[in-house]
């Protein structure tokens, strides 16, 4: 009977040590945050086209701690499935913006972008924006001219 009590006590001690180890691992793992490399993020893509024949965008990129040895070296822009890479010079501000001329675009293209850190790799693709066929300033100018012509024509009558 004495041996049975020793075995039972030994098993209980073993189970207690396993339970305490599992609890400790669980608590400590919840305290440790995930390691995340500083990959770049596209904050914003803005259409800065000034005429209907030129498609130009401004891309704002967040990238922490830029330096001569840690910087964004490339921006990829996807225009309706056509991906073009734009090489960049090292930056010293965060966030920073870059203006890009898009070539061979058709009416109302959907545009997304991604940036590449020379140390940490590619960031995720941005949300798509649609570049209008005629930018808002052009539409406003055409509307003002049309209204002026109508007013001038009605004044002559």
Protein backbone atom coordinates (compact mmCIF):
# COMPACT_ATOMS: atom_id res chain seq x y z
CA UNK A 1 0.00 0.00 0.00
CA UNK A 2 2.92 2.25 0.76
CA UNK A 3 4.24 1.85 -2.83
CA UNK A 4 0.83 2.74 -4.32
CA UNK A 5 0.76 5.96 -2.29
CA UNK A 6 4.28 6.83 -3.51
CA UNK A 7 3.32 6.26 -7.14
CA UNK A 8 0.13 8.31 -6.77
CA UNK A 9 2.04 11.11 -5.08
CA UNK A 10 4.71 10.98 -7.78
CA UNK A 11 2.10 11.19 -10.55
CA UNK A 12 0.36 14.11 -8.86
CA UNK A 13 3.66 15.96 -8.55
CA UNK A 14 4.43 15.28 -12.21
CA UNK A 15 0.99 16.54 -13.31
CA UNK A 16 1.36 19.66 -11.11
CA UNK A 17 4.72 20.46 -12.69
CA UNK A 18 3.28 20.02 -16.22
CA UNK A 19 0.31 22.25 -15.37
CA UNK A 20 2.51 24.97 -13.87
CA UNK A 21 4.86 24.84 -16.88
CA UNK A 22 1.93 25.13 -19.31
CA UNK A 23 0.49 28.04 -17.31
CA UNK A 24 3.87 29.80 -17.22
CA UNK A 25 4.37 29.39 -20.97
CA UNK A 26 0.86 30.70 -21.60
CA UNK A 27 1.36 33.79 -19.39
CA UNK A 28 4.80 34.64 -20.76
CA UNK A 29 3.78 34.14 -24.38
CA UNK A 30 0.91 36.59 -23.93
CA UNK A 31 3.36 39.19 -22.60
CA UNK A 32 5.73 38.91 -25.53
CA UNK A 33 4.60 40.91 -28.57
CA UNK A 34 5.05 39.76 -32.10
CA UNK A 35 8.21 40.84 -33.82
CA UNK A 36 7.32 42.93 -36.87
CA UNK A 37 9.84 44.05 -39.38
CA UNK A 38 9.52 47.66 -40.39
CA UNK A 39 8.07 47.13 -43.83
CA UNK A 40 6.81 50.29 -45.52
CA UNK A 41 3.13 51.26 -45.65
CA UNK A 42 1.39 53.28 -48.35
CA UNK A 43 -0.55 55.97 -46.45
CA UNK A 44 -2.21 57.61 -49.43
CA UNK A 45 -2.34 57.77 -53.21
CA UNK A 46 -3.57 61.06 -54.64
CA UNK A 47 -4.39 61.97 -58.22
CA UNK A 48 -2.46 65.15 -59.11
CA UNK A 49 -3.06 65.07 -62.87
CA UNK A 50 -3.32 68.54 -64.37
CA UNK A 51 -4.61 67.72 -67.83
CA UNK A 52 -6.48 64.83 -69.44
CA UNK A 53 -3.44 63.58 -71.35
CA UNK A 54 -1.12 63.19 -68.34
CA UNK A 55 -1.78 60.83 -65.45
CA UNK A 56 0.25 61.76 -62.38
CA UNK A 57 -0.06 60.48 -58.82
CA UNK A 58 1.43 61.43 -55.47
CA UNK A 59 2.21 58.49 -53.18
CA UNK A 60 2.71 59.07 -49.44
CA UNK A 61 4.78 56.33 -47.79
CA UNK A 62 5.37 55.65 -44.08
CA UNK A 63 8.70 54.07 -43.24
CA UNK A 64 10.22 54.39 -39.78
CA UNK A 65 13.84 55.34 -39.15
CA UNK A 66 15.07 56.04 -42.67
CA UNK A 67 18.83 56.47 -43.08
CA UNK A 68 21.55 56.10 -45.69
CA UNK A 69 21.52 52.35 -45.08
CA UNK A 70 17.74 51.86 -44.44
CA UNK A 71 15.39 53.33 -47.03
CA UNK A 72 12.71 52.72 -49.64
CA UNK A 73 14.48 51.78 -52.86
CA UNK A 74 11.51 50.97 -55.12
CA UNK A 75 7.81 51.74 -55.49
CA UNK A 76 5.64 49.40 -57.55
CA UNK A 77 2.49 50.86 -59.09
CA UNK A 78 -0.25 48.62 -60.46
CA UNK A 79 -2.42 50.36 -63.05
CA UNK A 80 -5.23 47.97 -64.01
CA UNK A 81 -2.92 44.95 -63.80
CA UNK A 82 0.12 46.58 -65.47
CA UNK A 83 2.85 46.80 -62.82
CA UNK A 84 5.66 49.32 -63.19
CA UNK A 85 8.59 49.72 -60.80
CA UNK A 86 10.02 53.15 -59.99
CA UNK A 87 13.51 53.23 -58.40
CA UNK A 88 13.99 55.81 -55.64
CA UNK A 89 16.89 57.59 -53.95
CA UNK A 90 17.32 57.21 -50.14
CA UNK A 91 14.95 59.36 -48.04
CA UNK A 92 15.47 61.10 -44.72
CA UNK A 93 11.88 61.97 -43.73
CA UNK A 94 8.96 59.91 -42.49
CA UNK A 95 6.44 59.90 -44.04
CA UNK A 96 7.62 61.06 -47.43
CA UNK A 97 5.89 61.62 -50.76
CA UNK A 98 6.91 60.79 -54.30
CA UNK A 99 5.28 62.07 -57.50
CA UNK A 100 5.07 59.53 -60.34
CA UNK A 101 4.07 59.96 -63.97
CA UNK A 102 1.98 57.03 -65.17
CA UNK A 103 2.29 56.16 -68.84
CA UNK A 104 -0.08 54.31 -71.15
CA UNK A 105 -3.12 54.69 -68.94
CA UNK A 106 -6.62 54.31 -70.27
CA UNK A 107 -9.83 55.92 -69.08
CA UNK A 108 -10.42 55.73 -65.32
CA UNK A 109 -7.66 53.28 -64.32
CA UNK A 110 -7.58 51.65 -60.89
CA UNK A 111 -4.25 52.33 -59.21
CA UNK A 112 -2.58 50.59 -56.24
CA UNK A 113 0.98 50.84 -54.94
CA UNK A 114 3.51 48.98 -52.80
CA UNK A 115 6.91 50.07 -51.50
CA UNK A 116 10.12 48.09 -50.97
CA UNK A 117 12.51 48.60 -48.04
CA UNK A 118 16.10 47.69 -48.86
CA UNK A 119 16.35 45.81 -45.51
CA UNK A 120 12.85 44.50 -44.72
CA UNK A 121 11.32 43.83 -48.13
CA UNK A 122 7.95 44.63 -49.69
CA UNK A 123 5.06 46.21 -47.84
CA UNK A 124 1.43 45.39 -48.57
CA UNK A 125 -0.50 46.79 -51.53
CA UNK A 126 -2.49 49.95 -50.88
CA UNK A 127 -6.21 50.30 -51.34
CA UNK A 128 -7.02 51.06 -54.99
CA UNK A 129 -8.00 54.51 -56.16
CA UNK A 130 -9.56 55.35 -59.50
CA UNK A 131 -7.93 58.08 -61.55
CA UNK A 132 -10.69 60.05 -63.28
CA UNK A 133 -10.62 60.53 -67.03
CA UNK A 134 -10.91 64.28 -66.56
CA UNK A 135 -9.52 65.70 -63.31
CA UNK A 136 -11.80 67.94 -61.22
CA UNK A 137 -10.02 71.23 -62.12
CA UNK A 138 -10.51 70.52 -65.84
CA UNK A 139 -14.20 69.71 -65.34
CA UNK A 140 -14.68 72.92 -63.32
CA UNK A 141 -12.95 75.00 -66.02
CA UNK A 142 -15.11 73.49 -68.77
CA UNK A 143 -18.28 74.10 -66.71
CA UNK A 144 -17.32 77.76 -66.11
CA UNK A 145 -16.56 78.32 -69.79
CA UNK A 146 -19.84 76.73 -70.87
CA UNK A 147 -21.81 78.84 -68.38
CA UNK A 148 -20.02 82.00 -69.54
CA UNK A 149 -20.80 81.25 -73.17
CA UNK A 150 -24.48 80.67 -72.38
CA UNK A 151 -24.68 83.90 -70.40
CA UNK A 152 -22.97 85.83 -73.19
CA UNK A 153 -25.29 84.31 -75.81
CA UNK A 154 -28.42 85.12 -73.73
CA UNK A 155 -27.18 88.69 -73.16
CA UNK A 156 -26.94 89.28 -76.96
CA UNK A 157 -30.62 88.39 -77.45
